[in-house]
């Protein structure tokens, strides 16, 4: 995870759209092709038109469920449930995965 530990917070459903996601969110920027902000690419109509159209057509969104675990000696872990939802064939679909992020 490139996001700073303290910035990983809950994002309740219905969540944030993966397309046109604002800077500083989980998917904004989507990729970075260089070591500076000049290589950042966001999922926008201008940067990635075909990918953007697909995500917008199916209304792809993400939510985060965050649990903090403390070991008492200053070490902490965040258990982050990532829920990706979309609409396919008029059905609400979802995919859930987990990532564990240490404070170190």
PDB file of N, CA and C in Angstrom:
ATOM      1  N   UNK A   1       0.844  -1.185   0.000  1.00  0.00           N
ATOM      2  CA  UNK A   1       0.000   0.000   0.000  1.00  0.00           C
ATOM      3  C   UNK A   1       0.883   1.240   0.000  1.00  0.00           C
ATOM      4  N   UNK A   2       0.602   2.124  -0.890  1.00  0.00           N
ATOM      5  CA  UNK A   2       1.346   3.375  -0.974  1.00  0.00           C
ATOM      6  C   UNK A   2       0.725   4.446  -0.083  1.00  0.00           C
ATOM      7  N   UNK A   3      -0.514   4.249   0.336  1.00  0.00           N
ATOM      8  CA  UNK A   3      -1.213   5.236   1.147  1.00  0.00           C
ATOM      9  C   UNK A   3      -0.644   5.239   2.565  1.00  0.00           C
ATOM     10  N   UNK A   4      -0.402   6.420   3.140  1.00  0.00           N
ATOM     11  CA  UNK A   4       0.089   6.465   4.523  1.00  0.00           C
ATOM     12  C   UNK A   4      -0.876   5.779   5.493  1.00  0.00           C
ATOM     13  N   UNK A   5      -0.323   5.120   6.495  1.00  0.00           N
ATOM     14  CA  UNK A   5      -1.088   4.334   7.459  1.00  0.00           C
ATOM     15  C   UNK A   5      -2.248   5.125   8.053  1.00  0.00           C
ATOM     16  N   UNK A   6      -1.988   6.352   8.462  1.00  0.00           N
ATOM     17  CA  UNK A   6      -3.032   7.150   9.128  1.00  0.00           C
ATOM     18  C   UNK A   6      -4.129   7.609   8.168  1.00  0.00           C
ATOM     19  N   UNK A   7      -3.876   7.556   6.861  1.00  0.00           N
ATOM     20  CA  UNK A   7      -4.878   7.984   5.878  1.00  0.00           C
ATOM     21  C   UNK A   7      -5.847   6.872   5.484  1.00  0.00           C
ATOM     22  N   UNK A   8      -5.600   5.649   5.955  1.00  0.00           N
ATOM     23  CA  UNK A   8      -6.478   4.532   5.621  1.00  0.00           C
ATOM     24  C   UNK A   8      -7.666   4.562   6.577  1.00  0.00           C
ATOM     25  N   UNK A   9      -8.807   5.005   6.076  1.00  0.00           N
ATOM     26  CA  UNK A   9     -10.007   5.180   6.905  1.00  0.00           C
ATOM     27  C   UNK A   9     -11.207   4.542   6.211  1.00  0.00           C
ATOM     28  N   UNK A  10     -12.278   4.379   6.971  1.00  0.00           N
ATOM     29  CA  UNK A  10     -13.526   3.806   6.464  1.00  0.00           C
ATOM     30  C   UNK A  10     -14.066   4.610   5.280  1.00  0.00           C
ATOM     31  N   UNK A  11     -14.592   3.904   4.314  1.00  0.00           N
ATOM     32  CA  UNK A  11     -15.364   4.494   3.227  1.00  0.00           C
ATOM     33  C   UNK A  11     -16.648   3.676   3.165  1.00  0.00           C
ATOM     34  N   UNK A  12     -17.732   4.199   3.741  1.00  0.00           N
ATOM     35  CA  UNK A  12     -18.972   3.403   3.815  1.00  0.00           C
ATOM     36  C   UNK A  12     -19.645   3.253   2.451  1.00  0.00           C
ATOM     37  N   UNK A  13     -20.434   2.177   2.281  1.00  0.00           N
ATOM     38  CA  UNK A  13     -21.217   2.014   1.052  1.00  0.00           C
ATOM     39  C   UNK A  13     -22.170   3.186   0.883  1.00  0.00           C
ATOM     40  N   UNK A  14     -22.520   3.596  -0.297  1.00  0.00           N
ATOM     41  CA  UNK A  14     -22.245   2.940  -1.562  1.00  0.00           C
ATOM     42  C   UNK A  14     -20.826   3.146  -2.069  1.00  0.00           C
ATOM     43  N   UNK A  15     -20.003   3.883  -1.366  1.00  0.00           N
ATOM     44  CA  UNK A  15     -18.608   4.005  -1.728  1.00  0.00           C
ATOM     45  C   UNK A  15     -18.313   5.119  -2.707  1.00  0.00           C
ATOM     46  N   UNK A  16     -17.105   5.075  -3.221  1.00  0.00           N
ATOM     47  CA  UNK A  16     -16.593   6.089  -4.144  1.00  0.00           C
ATOM     48  C   UNK A  16     -16.403   5.433  -5.504  1.00  0.00           C
ATOM     49  N   UNK A  17     -16.801   6.131  -6.552  1.00  0.00           N
ATOM     50  CA  UNK A  17     -16.637   5.601  -7.904  1.00  0.00           C
ATOM     51  C   UNK A  17     -15.159   5.457  -8.236  1.00  0.00           C
ATOM     52  N   UNK A  18     -14.798   4.366  -8.926  1.00  0.00           N
ATOM     53  CA  UNK A  18     -13.420   4.164  -9.343  1.00  0.00           C
ATOM     54  C   UNK A  18     -13.028   5.134 -10.452  1.00  0.00           C
ATOM     55  N   UNK A  19     -13.985   5.540 -11.261  1.00  0.00           N
ATOM     56  CA  UNK A  19     -13.745   6.524 -12.314  1.00  0.00           C
ATOM     57  C   UNK A  19     -13.963   7.916 -11.728  1.00  0.00           C
ATOM     58  N   UNK A  20     -13.184   8.865 -12.175  1.00  0.00           N
ATOM     59  CA  UNK A  20     -13.240  10.252 -11.670  1.00  0.00           C
ATOM     60  C   UNK A  20     -12.993  10.331 -10.169  1.00  0.00           C
ATOM     61  N   UNK A  21     -12.262   9.360  -9.601  1.00  0.00           N
ATOM     62  CA  UNK A  21     -11.946   9.377  -8.166  1.00  0.00           C
ATOM     63  C   UNK A  21     -11.029  10.566  -7.875  1.00  0.00           C
ATOM     64  N   UNK A  22     -11.309  11.323  -6.827  1.00  0.00           N
ATOM     65  CA  UNK A  22     -10.466  12.475  -6.514  1.00  0.00           C
ATOM     66  C   UNK A  22      -9.073  12.047  -6.041  1.00  0.00           C
ATOM     67  N   UNK A  23      -8.110  12.949  -6.220  1.00  0.00           N
ATOM     68  CA  UNK A  23      -6.749  12.696  -5.739  1.00  0.00           C
ATOM     69  C   UNK A  23      -6.788  12.406  -4.248  1.00  0.00           C
ATOM     70  N   UNK A  24      -5.938  11.495  -3.805  1.00  0.00           N
ATOM     71  CA  UNK A  24      -5.870  11.162  -2.386  1.00  0.00           C
ATOM     72  C   UNK A  24      -6.785  10.031  -1.976  1.00  0.00           C
ATOM     73  N   UNK A  25      -7.653   9.569  -2.898  1.00  0.00           N
ATOM     74  CA  UNK A  25      -8.497   8.425  -2.585  1.00  0.00           C
ATOM     75  C   UNK A  25      -7.766   7.142  -2.973  1.00  0.00           C
ATOM     76  N   UNK A  26      -8.344   6.013  -2.649  1.00  0.00           N
ATOM     77  CA  UNK A  26      -7.719   4.712  -2.841  1.00  0.00           C
ATOM     78  C   UNK A  26      -7.295   4.464  -4.291  1.00  0.00           C
ATOM     79  N   UNK A  27      -8.096   4.910  -5.261  1.00  0.00           N
ATOM     80  CA  UNK A  27      -7.784   4.700  -6.675  1.00  0.00           C
ATOM     81  C   UNK A  27      -7.423   5.990  -7.405  1.00  0.00           C
ATOM     82  N   UNK A  28      -7.052   7.027  -6.676  1.00  0.00           N
ATOM     83  CA  UNK A  28      -6.651   8.272  -7.315  1.00  0.00           C
ATOM     84  C   UNK A  28      -5.334   8.752  -6.763  1.00  0.00           C
ATOM     85  N   UNK A  29      -4.232   8.691  -7.500  1.00  0.00           N
ATOM     86  CA  UNK A  29      -4.119   8.263  -8.893  1.00  0.00           C
ATOM     87  C   UNK A  29      -4.126   6.746  -9.039  1.00  0.00           C
ATOM     88  N   UNK A  30      -4.489   6.286 -10.224  1.00  0.00           N
ATOM     89  CA  UNK A  30      -4.597   4.851 -10.489  1.00  0.00           C
ATOM     90  C   UNK A  30      -3.224   4.229 -10.741  1.00  0.00           C
ATOM     91  N   UNK A  31      -2.400   4.900 -11.545  1.00  0.00           N
ATOM     92  CA  UNK A  31      -1.033   4.445 -11.784  1.00  0.00           C
ATOM     93  C   UNK A  31      -0.100   5.652 -11.796  1.00  0.00           C
ATOM     94  N   UNK A  32       1.177   5.373 -11.622  1.00  0.00           N
ATOM     95  CA  UNK A  32       2.193   6.414 -11.725  1.00  0.00           C
ATOM     96  C   UNK A  32       3.356   5.827 -12.499  1.00  0.00           C
ATOM     97  N   UNK A  33       3.587   6.365 -13.687  1.00  0.00           N
ATOM     98  CA  UNK A  33       4.624   5.829 -14.573  1.00  0.00           C
ATOM     99  C   UNK A  33       5.987   6.466 -14.352  1.00  0.00           C
ATOM    100  N   UNK A  34       6.115   7.309 -13.325  1.00  0.00           N
ATOM    101  CA  UNK A  34       7.409   7.925 -13.031  1.00  0.00           C
ATOM    102  C   UNK A  34       7.539   8.091 -11.524  1.00  0.00           C
ATOM    103  N   UNK A  35       8.649   8.616 -11.087  1.00  0.00           N
ATOM    104  CA  UNK A  35       8.879   8.840  -9.665  1.00  0.00           C
ATOM    105  C   UNK A  35       8.319  10.154  -9.167  1.00  0.00           C
ATOM    106  N   UNK A  36       7.606  10.883 -10.010  1.00  0.00           N
ATOM    107  CA  UNK A  36       7.048  12.177  -9.596  1.00  0.00           C
ATOM    108  C   UNK A  36       5.571  12.237  -9.966  1.00  0.00           C
ATOM    109  N   UNK A  37       4.919  13.300  -9.560  1.00  0.00           N
ATOM    110  CA  UNK A  37       3.485  13.443  -9.845  1.00  0.00           C
ATOM    111  C   UNK A  37       3.214  13.642 -11.336  1.00  0.00           C
ATOM    112  N   UNK A  38       4.255  13.931 -12.126  1.00  0.00           N
ATOM    113  CA  UNK A  38       4.029  14.118 -13.562  1.00  0.00           C
ATOM    114  C   UNK A  38       3.607  12.827 -14.252  1.00  0.00           C
ATOM    115  N   UNK A  39       3.916  11.674 -13.653  1.00  0.00           N
ATOM    116  CA  UNK A  39       3.543  10.393 -14.250  1.00  0.00           C
ATOM    117  C   UNK A  39       2.227   9.834 -13.748  1.00  0.00           C
ATOM    118  N   UNK A  40       1.533  10.571 -12.872  1.00  0.00           N
ATOM    119  CA  UNK A  40       0.268  10.081 -12.320  1.00  0.00           C
ATOM    120  C   UNK A  40      -0.812  10.052 -13.383  1.00  0.00           C
ATOM    121  N   UNK A  41      -1.558   8.971 -13.396  1.00  0.00           N
ATOM    122  CA  UNK A  41      -2.707   8.858 -14.296  1.00  0.00           C
ATOM    123  C   UNK A  41      -3.938   8.536 -13.469  1.00  0.00           C
ATOM    124  N   UNK A  42      -4.978   9.306 -13.703  1.00  0.00           N
ATOM    125  CA  UNK A  42      -6.255   9.114 -13.043  1.00  0.00           C
ATOM    126  C   UNK A  42      -7.221   8.455 -14.028  1.00  0.00           C
ATOM    127  N   UNK A  43      -8.229   7.761 -13.519  1.00  0.00           N
ATOM    128  CA  UNK A  43      -9.232   7.146 -14.387  1.00  0.00           C
ATOM    129  C   UNK A  43     -10.245   8.230 -14.740  1.00  0.00           C
ATOM    130  N   UNK A  44      -9.913   8.979 -15.794  1.00  0.00           N
ATOM    131  CA  UNK A  44     -10.785  10.048 -16.271  1.00  0.00           C
ATOM    132  C   UNK A  44     -11.048   9.835 -17.756  1.00  0.00           C
ATOM    133  N   UNK A  45     -12.026  10.531 -18.271  1.00  0.00           N
ATOM    134  CA  UNK A  45     -12.354  10.446 -19.694  1.00  0.00           C
ATOM    135  C   UNK A  45     -11.148  10.842 -20.538  1.00  0.00           C
ATOM    136  N   UNK A  46     -10.359  11.804 -20.078  1.00  0.00           N
ATOM    137  CA  UNK A  46      -9.202  12.264 -20.843  1.00  0.00           C
ATOM    138  C   UNK A  46      -8.003  11.338 -20.764  1.00  0.00           C
ATOM    139  N   UNK A  47      -7.715  10.781 -19.573  1.00  0.00           N
ATOM    140  CA  UNK A  47      -6.529   9.938 -19.389  1.00  0.00           C
ATOM    141  C   UNK A  47      -6.714   8.512 -19.903  1.00  0.00           C
ATOM    142  N   UNK A  48      -7.846   7.905 -19.613  1.00  0.00           N
ATOM    143  CA  UNK A  48      -8.090   6.497 -19.964  1.00  0.00           C
ATOM    144  C   UNK A  48      -9.523   6.346 -20.472  1.00  0.00           C
ATOM    145  N   UNK A  49      -9.815   6.835 -21.680  1.00  0.00           N
ATOM    146  CA  UNK A  49     -11.217   6.888 -22.135  1.00  0.00           C
ATOM    147  C   UNK A  49     -11.941   5.543 -22.197  1.00  0.00           C
ATOM    148  N   UNK A  50     -11.291   4.483 -22.683  1.00  0.00           N
ATOM    149  CA  UNK A  50     -11.980   3.192 -22.805  1.00  0.00           C
ATOM    150  C   UNK A  50     -12.229   2.558 -21.441  1.00  0.00           C
ATOM    151  N   UNK A  51     -11.209   2.594 -20.574  1.00  0.00           N
ATOM    152  CA  UNK A  51     -11.345   2.051 -19.224  1.00  0.00           C
ATOM    153  C   UNK A  51     -12.391   2.842 -18.439  1.00  0.00           C
ATOM    154  N   UNK A  52     -12.338   4.162 -18.554  1.00  0.00           N
ATOM    155  CA  UNK A  52     -13.303   5.047 -17.892  1.00  0.00           C
ATOM    156  C   UNK A  52     -14.732   4.690 -18.316  1.00  0.00           C
ATOM    157  N   UNK A  53     -14.949   4.538 -19.625  1.00  0.00           N
ATOM    158  CA  UNK A  53     -16.304   4.240 -20.132  1.00  0.00           C
ATOM    159  C   UNK A  53     -16.826   2.924 -19.577  1.00  0.00           C
ATOM    160  N   UNK A  54     -15.955   1.906 -19.505  1.00  0.00           N
ATOM    161  CA  UNK A  54     -16.358   0.607 -18.975  1.00  0.00           C
ATOM    162  C   UNK A  54     -16.745   0.711 -17.500  1.00  0.00           C
ATOM    163  N   UNK A  55     -15.902   1.363 -16.705  1.00  0.00           N
ATOM    164  CA  UNK A  55     -16.187   1.508 -15.268  1.00  0.00           C
ATOM    165  C   UNK A  55     -17.436   2.334 -15.022  1.00  0.00           C
ATOM    166  N   UNK A  56     -17.617   3.394 -15.794  1.00  0.00           N
ATOM    167  CA  UNK A  56     -18.797   4.246 -15.630  1.00  0.00           C
ATOM    168  C   UNK A  56     -20.066   3.513 -16.050  1.00  0.00           C
ATOM    169  N   UNK A  57     -19.992   2.751 -17.145  1.00  0.00           N
ATOM    170  CA  UNK A  57     -21.157   2.010 -17.633  1.00  0.00           C
ATOM    171  C   UNK A  57     -21.666   1.032 -16.583  1.00  0.00           C
ATOM    172  N   UNK A  58     -20.765   0.398 -15.854  1.00  0.00           N
ATOM    173  CA  UNK A  58     -21.151  -0.596 -14.849  1.00  0.00           C
ATOM    174  C   UNK A  58     -21.121  -0.042 -13.419  1.00  0.00           C
ATOM    175  N   UNK A  59     -20.889   1.248 -13.286  1.00  0.00           N
ATOM    176  CA  UNK A  59     -20.882   1.948 -11.991  1.00  0.00           C
ATOM    177  C   UNK A  59     -20.011   1.239 -10.947  1.00  0.00           C
ATOM    178  N   UNK A  60     -18.746   0.985 -11.294  1.00  0.00           N
ATOM    179  CA  UNK A  60     -17.799   0.379 -10.354  1.00  0.00           C
ATOM    180  C   UNK A  60     -17.516   1.345  -9.214  1.00  0.00           C
ATOM    181  N   UNK A  61     -17.621   0.846  -7.968  1.00  0.00           N
ATOM    182  CA  UNK A  61     -17.368   1.640  -6.760  1.00  0.00           C
ATOM    183  C   UNK A  61     -16.586   0.799  -5.768  1.00  0.00           C
ATOM    184  N   UNK A  62     -15.942   1.480  -4.829  1.00  0.00           N
ATOM    185  CA  UNK A  62     -15.268   0.758  -3.757  1.00  0.00           C
ATOM    186  C   UNK A  62     -15.643   1.345  -2.409  1.00  0.00           C
ATOM    187  N   UNK A  63     -15.655   0.474  -1.403  1.00  0.00           N
ATOM    188  CA  UNK A  63     -15.863   0.854  -0.006  1.00  0.00           C
ATOM    189  C   UNK A  63     -14.739   0.213   0.796  1.00  0.00           C
ATOM    190  N   UNK A  64     -14.415   0.800   1.930  1.00  0.00           N
ATOM    191  CA  UNK A  64     -13.390   0.249   2.811  1.00  0.00           C
ATOM    192  C   UNK A  64     -13.956   0.047   4.210  1.00  0.00           C
ATOM    193  N   UNK A  65     -13.693  -1.110   4.776  1.00  0.00           N
ATOM    194  CA  UNK A  65     -14.023  -1.392   6.167  1.00  0.00           C
ATOM    195  C   UNK A  65     -12.694  -1.570   6.894  1.00  0.00           C
ATOM    196  N   UNK A  66     -12.415  -0.709   7.869  1.00  0.00           N
ATOM    197  CA  UNK A  66     -11.098  -0.694   8.513  1.00  0.00           C
ATOM    198  C   UNK A  66     -11.225  -1.060   9.988  1.00  0.00           C
ATOM    199  N   UNK A  67     -10.416  -2.046  10.411  1.00  0.00           N
ATOM    200  CA  UNK A  67     -10.329  -2.429  11.824  1.00  0.00           C
ATOM    201  C   UNK A  67      -8.879  -2.264  12.268  1.00  0.00           C
ATOM    202  N   UNK A  68      -8.692  -1.631  13.414  1.00  0.00           N
ATOM    203  CA  UNK A  68      -7.350  -1.441  13.966  1.00  0.00           C
ATOM    204  C   UNK A  68      -7.060  -2.515  15.001  1.00  0.00           C
ATOM    205  N   UNK A  69      -5.867  -3.092  14.913  1.00  0.00           N
ATOM    206  CA  UNK A  69      -5.419  -4.081  15.879  1.00  0.00           C
ATOM    207  C   UNK A  69      -4.128  -3.561  16.489  1.00  0.00           C
ATOM    208  N   UNK A  70      -4.105  -3.440  17.823  1.00  0.00           N
ATOM    209  CA  UNK A  70      -2.920  -2.952  18.521  1.00  0.00           C
ATOM    210  C   UNK A  70      -2.310  -4.085  19.329  1.00  0.00           C
ATOM    211  N   UNK A  71      -0.980  -4.170  19.281  1.00  0.00           N
ATOM    212  CA  UNK A  71      -0.270  -5.206  20.024  1.00  0.00           C
ATOM    213  C   UNK A  71       0.281  -4.691  21.351  1.00  0.00           C
ATOM    214  N   UNK A  72      -0.026  -3.442  21.691  1.00  0.00           N
ATOM    215  CA  UNK A  72       0.329  -2.888  22.993  1.00  0.00           C
ATOM    216  C   UNK A  72       1.722  -2.317  23.094  1.00  0.00           C
ATOM    217  N   UNK A  73       2.606  -2.625  22.194  1.00  0.00           N
ATOM    218  CA  UNK A  73       3.965  -2.089  22.265  1.00  0.00           C
ATOM    219  C   UNK A  73       4.219  -1.050  21.178  1.00  0.00           C
ATOM    220  N   UNK A  74       3.142  -0.445  20.682  1.00  0.00           N
ATOM    221  CA  UNK A  74       3.257   0.586  19.662  1.00  0.00           C
ATOM    222  C   UNK A  74       3.037   0.065  18.258  1.00  0.00           C
ATOM    223  N   UNK A  75       3.106  -1.246  18.098  1.00  0.00           N
ATOM    224  CA  UNK A  75       2.847  -1.829  16.786  1.00  0.00           C
ATOM    225  C   UNK A  75       1.348  -1.931  16.554  1.00  0.00           C
ATOM    226  N   UNK A  76       0.930  -1.542  15.379  1.00  0.00           N
ATOM    227  CA  UNK A  76      -0.475  -1.634  15.012  1.00  0.00           C
ATOM    228  C   UNK A  76      -0.591  -2.228  13.616  1.00  0.00           C
ATOM    229  N   UNK A  77      -1.719  -2.860  13.373  1.00  0.00           N
ATOM    230  CA  UNK A  77      -2.060  -3.362  12.045  1.00  0.00           C
ATOM    231  C   UNK A  77      -3.482  -2.911  11.746  1.00  0.00           C
ATOM    232  N   UNK A  78      -3.702  -2.531  10.511  1.00  0.00           N
ATOM    233  CA  UNK A  78      -5.060  -2.248  10.063  1.00  0.00           C
ATOM    234  C   UNK A  78      -5.491  -3.395   9.160  1.00  0.00           C
ATOM    235  N   UNK A  79      -6.619  -3.975   9.498  1.00  0.00           N
ATOM    236  CA  UNK A  79      -7.255  -4.968   8.646  1.00  0.00           C
ATOM    237  C   UNK A  79      -8.235  -4.194   7.767  1.00  0.00           C
ATOM    238  N   UNK A  80      -7.991  -4.205   6.468  1.00  0.00           N
ATOM    239  CA  UNK A  80      -8.793  -3.403   5.553  1.00  0.00           C
ATOM    240  C   UNK A  80      -9.578  -4.330   4.635  1.00  0.00           C
ATOM    241  N   UNK A  81     -10.891  -4.277   4.760  1.00  0.00           N
ATOM    242  CA  UNK A  81     -11.773  -4.992   3.844  1.00  0.00           C
ATOM    243  C   UNK A  81     -12.098  -4.070   2.686  1.00  0.00           C
ATOM    244  N   UNK A  82     -11.783  -4.512   1.487  1.00  0.00           N
ATOM    245  CA  UNK A  82     -12.037  -3.714   0.286  1.00  0.00           C
ATOM    246  C   UNK A  82     -13.210  -4.361  -0.435  1.00  0.00           C
ATOM    247  N   UNK A  83     -14.271  -3.620  -0.589  1.00  0.00           N
ATOM    248  CA  UNK A  83     -15.466  -4.114  -1.265  1.00  0.00           C
ATOM    249  C   UNK A  83     -15.605  -3.348  -2.576  1.00  0.00           C
ATOM    250  N   UNK A  84     -15.515  -4.068  -3.683  1.00  0.00           N
ATOM    251  CA  UNK A  84     -15.719  -3.483  -4.999  1.00  0.00           C
ATOM    252  C   UNK A  84     -17.100  -3.925  -5.473  1.00  0.00           C
ATOM    253  N   UNK A  85     -17.925  -2.963  -5.855  1.00  0.00           N
ATOM    254  CA  UNK A  85     -19.275  -3.286  -6.310  1.00  0.00           C
ATOM    255  C   UNK A  85     -19.489  -2.714  -7.712  1.00  0.00           C
ATOM    256  N   UNK A  86     -20.383  -3.360  -8.471  1.00  0.00           N
ATOM    257  CA  UNK A  86     -20.711  -2.913  -9.803  1.00  0.00           C
ATOM    258  C   UNK A  86     -22.058  -3.506 -10.193  1.00  0.00           C
ATOM    259  N   UNK A  87     -22.588  -3.035 -11.306  1.00  0.00           N
ATOM    260  CA  UNK A  87     -23.866  -3.522 -11.820  1.00  0.00           C
ATOM    261  C   UNK A  87     -23.591  -4.263 -13.130  1.00  0.00           C
ATOM    262  N   UNK A  88     -24.051  -5.511 -13.194  1.00  0.00           N
ATOM    263  CA  UNK A  88     -23.844  -6.339 -14.387  1.00  0.00           C
ATOM    264  C   UNK A  88     -25.134  -7.076 -14.694  1.00  0.00           C
ATOM    265  N   UNK A  89     -25.630  -6.940 -15.916  1.00  0.00           N
ATOM    266  CA  UNK A  89     -26.893  -7.570 -16.333  1.00  0.00           C
ATOM    267  C   UNK A  89     -28.019  -7.259 -15.349  1.00  0.00           C
ATOM    268  N   UNK A  90     -28.093  -6.004 -14.928  1.00  0.00           N
ATOM    269  CA  UNK A  90     -29.113  -5.518 -14.001  1.00  0.00           C
ATOM    270  C   UNK A  90     -29.061  -6.186 -12.632  1.00  0.00           C
ATOM    271  N   UNK A  91     -27.900  -6.729 -12.263  1.00  0.00           N
ATOM    272  CA  UNK A  91     -27.710  -7.323 -10.941  1.00  0.00           C
ATOM    273  C   UNK A  91     -26.594  -6.580 -10.223  1.00  0.00           C
ATOM    274  N   UNK A  92     -26.766  -6.392  -8.922  1.00  0.00           N
ATOM    275  CA  UNK A  92     -25.724  -5.787  -8.104  1.00  0.00           C
ATOM    276  C   UNK A  92     -24.698  -6.858  -7.761  1.00  0.00           C
ATOM    277  N   UNK A  93     -23.467  -6.632  -8.172  1.00  0.00           N
ATOM    278  CA  UNK A  93     -22.389  -7.586  -7.959  1.00  0.00           C
ATOM    279  C   UNK A  93     -21.395  -6.994  -6.965  1.00  0.00           C
ATOM    280  N   UNK A  94     -20.615  -7.878  -6.307  1.00  0.00           N
ATOM    281  CA  UNK A  94     -19.581  -7.382  -5.411  1.00  0.00           C
ATOM    282  C   UNK A  94     -18.455  -8.385  -5.276  1.00  0.00           C
ATOM    283  N   UNK A  95     -17.289  -7.853  -4.954  1.00  0.00           N
ATOM    284  CA  UNK A  95     -16.105  -8.667  -4.706  1.00  0.00           C
ATOM    285  C   UNK A  95     -15.424  -8.090  -3.475  1.00  0.00           C
ATOM    286  N   UNK A  96     -15.118  -8.943  -2.508  1.00  0.00           N
ATOM    287  CA  UNK A  96     -14.497  -8.484  -1.268  1.00  0.00           C
ATOM    288  C   UNK A  96     -13.111  -9.132  -1.141  1.00  0.00           C
ATOM    289  N   UNK A  97     -12.155  -8.326  -0.725  1.00  0.00           N
ATOM    290  CA  UNK A  97     -10.822  -8.837  -0.422  1.00  0.00           C
ATOM    291  C   UNK A  97     -10.294  -8.097   0.789  1.00  0.00           C
ATOM    292  N   UNK A  98      -9.266  -8.664   1.401  1.00  0.00           N
ATOM    293  CA  UNK A  98      -8.679  -8.072   2.612  1.00  0.00           C
ATOM    294  C   UNK A  98      -7.199  -7.844   2.414  1.00  0.00           C
ATOM    295  N   UNK A  99      -6.724  -6.805   3.029  1.00  0.00           N
ATOM    296  CA  UNK A  99      -5.294  -6.523   3.071  1.00  0.00           C
ATOM    297  C   UNK A  99      -4.976  -6.111   4.507  1.00  0.00           C
ATOM    298  N   UNK A 100      -3.808  -6.495   4.977  1.00  0.00           N
ATOM    299  CA  UNK A 100      -3.369  -6.145   6.322  1.00  0.00           C
ATOM    300  C   UNK A 100      -2.184  -5.203   6.206  1.00  0.00           C
ATOM    301  N   UNK A 101      -2.309  -4.030   6.793  1.00  0.00           N
ATOM    302  CA  UNK A 101      -1.299  -2.992   6.653  1.00  0.00           C
ATOM    303  C   UNK A 101      -0.647  -2.719   7.997  1.00  0.00           C
ATOM    304  N   UNK A 102       0.681  -2.950   8.132  1.00  0.00           N
ATOM    305  CA  UNK A 102       1.363  -2.660   9.387  1.00  0.00           C
ATOM    306  C   UNK A 102       1.681  -1.176   9.513  1.00  0.00           C
ATOM    307  N   UNK A 103       1.822  -0.714  10.737  1.00  0.00           N
ATOM    308  CA  UNK A 103       2.127   0.707  10.970  1.00  0.00           C
ATOM    309  C   UNK A 103       3.590   1.041  10.685  1.00  0.00           C
ATOM    310  N   UNK A 104       4.445   0.063  10.612  1.00  0.00           N
ATOM    311  CA  UNK A 104       5.867   0.308  10.377  1.00  0.00           C
ATOM    312  C   UNK A 104       6.191   0.684   8.976  1.00  0.00           C
TER     313      UNK A 104
END
